[in-house]
Amino acid sequence: MRIDSHQHFWNYHPVKDAWISDEMKVIQRDFLPADLLPLLEAKYIDGCVSVQADQSEEETHFLLQLAKENEFIKGVVGWIDLRAENLEARLEYFSQYKKLKGFRHIVQAEPDEDFLLEEDFCMGISKLAKYNFTYDLLILPKHLPYATALVIRFPQQSFVIDHLAKPDFKQIDFAVWKKEIRAIAACPNVMCKVSGLVTEADWNNWRATDFTYCLDVVTAAFGVNRLMFGSDWPVSLLAASYEESCDIVEDYFSKFSNEEQDKLWGGNAIEFYHL
């Protein structure tokens, strides 16, 4: 089965979705399963994992409802307040939803660089493994040292890095990012999504070769067994069509064995998220 391990749905609202600025007008509208399904089918992708874009339990329920109504949505990564005093009760409640696979927090938007290591947040992370929930790390390169400390602290917790930790493809010095991505890859409880590439590039002037160096680094660091494809649609539409986002990854990994490609395009996501 081929899986897109990272995409979003929303009913656009200018206040709730204020992060979608005027320079992002192409995604200032609703994006729902009927919009995505033909794109998946055109690339022979069988299903997807839908990831939160808003930090509310309402968002989690919204995605779960879509997953209930659409068989091709194989899993949901929702949001929950990991710092809440009643977190245990909320995890107990959400554990009834079989398509809810894990949670994510928009760490890149937090003012404190060491947010991941704050004690109340770590307390929340410590409770996820009990319910077999995964955690998606949405971070920038500057957060990687803190993310590494976090995943070392919780070796029984399954983590996945979204979007290669967002290296800036508009520049050519990846030395610091490379050092930190290799450090976190040394932790066996972490995987990495090959996703969101074009969004960190020059939206109007990227080339497939812009991504080669960083793809080389993560492939060497994690190995194909710990990488999974994700489109980051519809955010990716800022810079590329769904087909183009797929083609970048398809072309790069075309030299790998069929078995390795099967893992990247679905097998690893199925195993990680228990799809």
Foldseek 3Di string as FASTA:
>chain_A
DFEAAEAEFDAADCVQVVVCDPLNVVPRHGDAPVNCVVVCVVVVHQAYEYEFPGADVVSVVVVLVSCVVDVRHQAYAAHDPLLDPCLVVVLVVVLVRPRYQAYEDQQQPDPDLLVCPPPSNLNSQQPQVVSNHAYEYQAALSNLVNVLVSCVVPLSHAYEYEQLNQDQLQDDDCPSSLVSSLSSLVRPRYAYENEDPCLNYDQADDDLVSCQVSVVSNCVRNNLLRYAYHYHPPSNVSRDDSVVSVVSVCVNCVPPDPVSVCNRRPVNSCVSRVD
